[in-house]
Amino acid sequence: MTNSPKTNDRENHPLKQFFISENEKAERALILENRISSLRKICEELNPFGNVEQEIKDQLKAFGIVHFDDPFQLTNRLILLMEDSIQELQELQGLQELKSRIPTNAPMSNSRTQSKS
């Protein structure tokens, strides 16, 4: 079965966090937490002005960073990755917090049904 247009729309929708299940949100949050932890460790160990060790190069390659000769470009890329990951995690956590504030057993009000009574 091919992807329907609705599926593709959901995947590319700017509010796609609203469309994913709680399990998917929890899984994504865990991935982001691990990514942030890994990036933090790299930032603590990395001296971008010196010789970048092979182990750190391998870790950086896992994040799509393959150029190590420009220390400013390297640090800027790390900062952007860290900021993007933190922002996405905060958005996921904010959605979870918002959803937890919405009462699940409250009756839904509908102006049409109220006006007919």
C-alpha atoms as a PDB file:
ATOM      1  CA  MET A   1       0.000   0.000   0.000  1.00  0.00           C
ATOM      2  CA  THR A   2       1.365   3.422  -0.925  1.00  0.00           C
ATOM      3  CA  ASN A   3       1.329   6.454   1.283  1.00  0.00           C
ATOM      4  CA  SER A   4      -1.842   8.408   0.897  1.00  0.00           C
ATOM      5  CA  PRO A   5      -1.689  12.195   0.555  1.00  0.00           C
ATOM      6  CA  LYS A   6      -3.103  12.473   4.077  1.00  0.00           C
ATOM      7  CA  THR A   7      -0.191  10.440   5.471  1.00  0.00           C
ATOM      8  CA  ASN A   8       2.352  12.599   3.657  1.00  0.00           C
ATOM      9  CA  ASP A   9       0.576  15.737   4.846  1.00  0.00           C
ATOM     10  CA  ARG A  10       0.723  14.507   8.437  1.00  0.00           C
ATOM     11  CA  GLU A  11       4.439  13.722   8.194  1.00  0.00           C
ATOM     12  CA  ASN A  12       5.266  17.183   6.830  1.00  0.00           C
ATOM     13  CA  HIS A  13       2.773  19.173   8.874  1.00  0.00           C
ATOM     14  CA  PRO A  14       4.336  21.879  11.095  1.00  0.00           C
ATOM     15  CA  LEU A  15       2.285  20.610  14.047  1.00  0.00           C
ATOM     16  CA  LYS A  16       3.172  16.970  13.484  1.00  0.00           C
ATOM     17  CA  GLN A  17       3.778  16.514  17.241  1.00  0.00           C
ATOM     18  CA  PHE A  18      -0.014  16.644  17.680  1.00  0.00           C
ATOM     19  CA  PHE A  19      -0.422  13.657  15.368  1.00  0.00           C
ATOM     20  CA  ILE A  20       1.990  11.240  17.035  1.00  0.00           C
ATOM     21  CA  SER A  21       1.029   8.845  19.785  1.00  0.00           C
ATOM     22  CA  GLU A  22       2.175   9.150  23.382  1.00  0.00           C
ATOM     23  CA  ASN A  23       4.519   6.194  22.872  1.00  0.00           C
ATOM     24  CA  GLU A  24       6.078   7.871  19.841  1.00  0.00           C
ATOM     25  CA  LYS A  25       6.479  11.114  21.800  1.00  0.00           C
ATOM     26  CA  ALA A  26       8.141   9.276  24.684  1.00  0.00           C
ATOM     27  CA  GLU A  27      10.436   7.439  22.273  1.00  0.00           C
ATOM     28  CA  ARG A  28      11.351  10.673  20.470  1.00  0.00           C
ATOM     29  CA  ALA A  29      11.972  12.429  23.803  1.00  0.00           C
ATOM     30  CA  LEU A  30      14.341   9.630  24.838  1.00  0.00           C
ATOM     31  CA  ILE A  31      16.202   9.881  21.522  1.00  0.00           C
ATOM     32  CA  LEU A  32      16.527  13.645  21.953  1.00  0.00           C
ATOM     33  CA  GLU A  33      17.728  13.289  25.554  1.00  0.00           C
ATOM     34  CA  ASN A  34      20.401  10.823  24.403  1.00  0.00           C
ATOM     35  CA  ARG A  35      21.394  13.132  21.538  1.00  0.00           C
ATOM     36  CA  ILE A  36      21.702  16.101  23.895  1.00  0.00           C
ATOM     37  CA  SER A  37      23.773  14.044  26.314  1.00  0.00           C
ATOM     38  CA  SER A  38      26.095  12.889  23.507  1.00  0.00           C
ATOM     39  CA  LEU A  39      26.474  16.409  22.144  1.00  0.00           C
ATOM     40  CA  ARG A  40      27.194  17.766  25.618  1.00  0.00           C
ATOM     41  CA  LYS A  41      29.912  15.135  26.103  1.00  0.00           C
ATOM     42  CA  ILE A  42      31.459  15.996  22.751  1.00  0.00           C
ATOM     43  CA  CYS A  43      31.422  19.705  23.611  1.00  0.00           C
ATOM     44  CA  GLU A  44      33.141  19.019  26.933  1.00  0.00           C
ATOM     45  CA  GLU A  45      35.885  16.867  25.364  1.00  0.00           C
ATOM     46  CA  LEU A  46      36.442  18.712  22.095  1.00  0.00           C
ATOM     47  CA  ASN A  47      39.207  21.236  21.551  1.00  0.00           C
ATOM     48  CA  PRO A  48      38.270  22.580  18.115  1.00  0.00           C
ATOM     49  CA  PHE A  49      41.579  24.498  17.835  1.00  0.00           C
ATOM     50  CA  GLY A  50      43.696  21.393  18.376  1.00  0.00           C
ATOM     51  CA  ASN A  51      43.904  17.996  16.785  1.00  0.00           C
ATOM     52  CA  VAL A  52      40.472  16.330  16.880  1.00  0.00           C
ATOM     53  CA  GLU A  53      40.845  12.764  18.142  1.00  0.00           C
ATOM     54  CA  GLN A  54      39.552   9.954  15.936  1.00  0.00           C
ATOM     55  CA  GLU A  55      36.977   8.862  18.542  1.00  0.00           C
ATOM     56  CA  ILE A  56      35.453  12.360  18.581  1.00  0.00           C
ATOM     57  CA  LYS A  57      35.599  12.518  14.772  1.00  0.00           C
ATOM     58  CA  ASP A  58      33.588   9.301  14.629  1.00  0.00           C
ATOM     59  CA  GLN A  59      31.021  10.731  17.052  1.00  0.00           C
ATOM     60  CA  LEU A  60      30.809  13.955  15.032  1.00  0.00           C
ATOM     61  CA  LYS A  61      30.328  11.993  11.807  1.00  0.00           C
ATOM     62  CA  ALA A  62      27.315  10.306  13.400  1.00  0.00           C
ATOM     63  CA  PHE A  63      25.783  13.796  13.602  1.00  0.00           C
ATOM     64  CA  GLY A  64      26.668  14.631  10.005  1.00  0.00           C
ATOM     65  CA  ILE A  65      29.735  16.722  10.833  1.00  0.00           C
ATOM     66  CA  VAL A  66      32.573  15.688   8.546  1.00  0.00           C
ATOM     67  CA  HIS A  67      34.753  18.818   8.288  1.00  0.00           C
ATOM     68  CA  PHE A  68      37.083  19.353  11.227  1.00  0.00           C
ATOM     69  CA  ASP A  69      39.527  21.945   9.909  1.00  0.00           C
ATOM     70  CA  ASP A  70      37.492  25.096  10.684  1.00  0.00           C
ATOM     71  CA  PRO A  71      37.030  25.412  14.467  1.00  0.00           C
ATOM     72  CA  PHE A  72      34.365  28.114  14.151  1.00  0.00           C
ATOM     73  CA  GLN A  73      32.267  26.121  11.680  1.00  0.00           C
ATOM     74  CA  LEU A  74      32.665  23.022  13.849  1.00  0.00           C
ATOM     75  CA  THR A  75      31.559  24.756  17.059  1.00  0.00           C
ATOM     76  CA  ASN A  76      28.704  26.570  15.310  1.00  0.00           C
ATOM     77  CA  ARG A  77      27.400  23.281  13.906  1.00  0.00           C
ATOM     78  CA  LEU A  78      27.563  21.681  17.360  1.00  0.00           C
ATOM     79  CA  ILE A  79      25.731  24.616  18.913  1.00  0.00           C
ATOM     80  CA  LEU A  80      22.996  24.485  16.267  1.00  0.00           C
ATOM     81  CA  LEU A  81      22.529  20.750  16.735  1.00  0.00           C
ATOM     82  CA  MET A  82      22.329  21.211  20.502  1.00  0.00           C
ATOM     83  CA  GLU A  83      19.876  24.128  20.247  1.00  0.00           C
ATOM     84  CA  ASP A  84      17.638  22.305  17.754  1.00  0.00           C
ATOM     85  CA  SER A  85      17.578  19.169  19.896  1.00  0.00           C
ATOM     86  CA  ILE A  86      16.807  21.089  23.092  1.00  0.00           C
ATOM     87  CA  GLN A  87      14.068  23.092  21.366  1.00  0.00           C
ATOM     88  CA  GLU A  88      12.406  19.974  19.947  1.00  0.00           C
ATOM     89  CA  LEU A  89      12.567  18.257  23.345  1.00  0.00           C
ATOM     90  CA  GLN A  90      11.039  21.285  25.047  1.00  0.00           C
ATOM     91  CA  GLU A  91       8.253  21.396  22.452  1.00  0.00           C
ATOM     92  CA  LEU A  92       7.491  17.712  23.033  1.00  0.00           C
ATOM     93  CA  GLN A  93       7.498  18.192  26.798  1.00  0.00           C
ATOM     94  CA  GLY A  94       5.325  21.291  26.446  1.00  0.00           C
ATOM     95  CA  LEU A  95       2.774  19.367  24.401  1.00  0.00           C
ATOM     96  CA  GLN A  96       2.735  16.587  26.981  1.00  0.00           C
ATOM     97  CA  GLU A  97       2.245  19.127  29.764  1.00  0.00           C
ATOM     98  CA  LEU A  98      -0.498  20.890  27.820  1.00  0.00           C
ATOM     99  CA  LYS A  99      -2.261  17.610  27.093  1.00  0.00           C
ATOM    100  CA  SER A 100      -2.071  16.627  30.775  1.00  0.00           C
ATOM    101  CA  ARG A 101      -3.920  19.849  31.694  1.00  0.00           C
ATOM    102  CA  ILE A 102      -6.863  19.041  29.423  1.00  0.00           C
ATOM    103  CA  PRO A 103      -9.479  17.084  31.374  1.00  0.00           C
ATOM    104  CA  THR A 104     -10.224  13.817  29.626  1.00  0.00           C
ATOM    105  CA  ASN A 105     -13.623  13.248  31.233  1.00  0.00           C
ATOM    106  CA  ALA A 106     -15.009  16.760  30.716  1.00  0.00           C
ATOM    107  CA  PRO A 107     -18.007  16.930  28.381  1.00  0.00           C
ATOM    108  CA  MET A 108     -17.351  18.651  25.097  1.00  0.00           C
ATOM    109  CA  SER A 109     -19.530  21.706  24.608  1.00  0.00           C
ATOM    110  CA  ASN A 110     -21.046  22.171  21.207  1.00  0.00           C
ATOM    111  CA  SER A 111     -22.840  25.422  20.489  1.00  0.00           C
ATOM    112  CA  ARG A 112     -25.126  23.773  17.898  1.00  0.00           C
ATOM    113  CA  THR A 113     -26.451  21.165  20.308  1.00  0.00           C
ATOM    114  CA  GLN A 114     -26.891  23.752  23.043  1.00  0.00           C
ATOM    115  CA  SER A 115     -28.870  26.108  20.819  1.00  0.00           C
ATOM    116  CA  LYS A 116     -31.280  23.350  19.737  1.00  0.00           C
ATOM    117  CA  SER A 117     -32.251  22.489  23.323  1.00  0.00           C
END
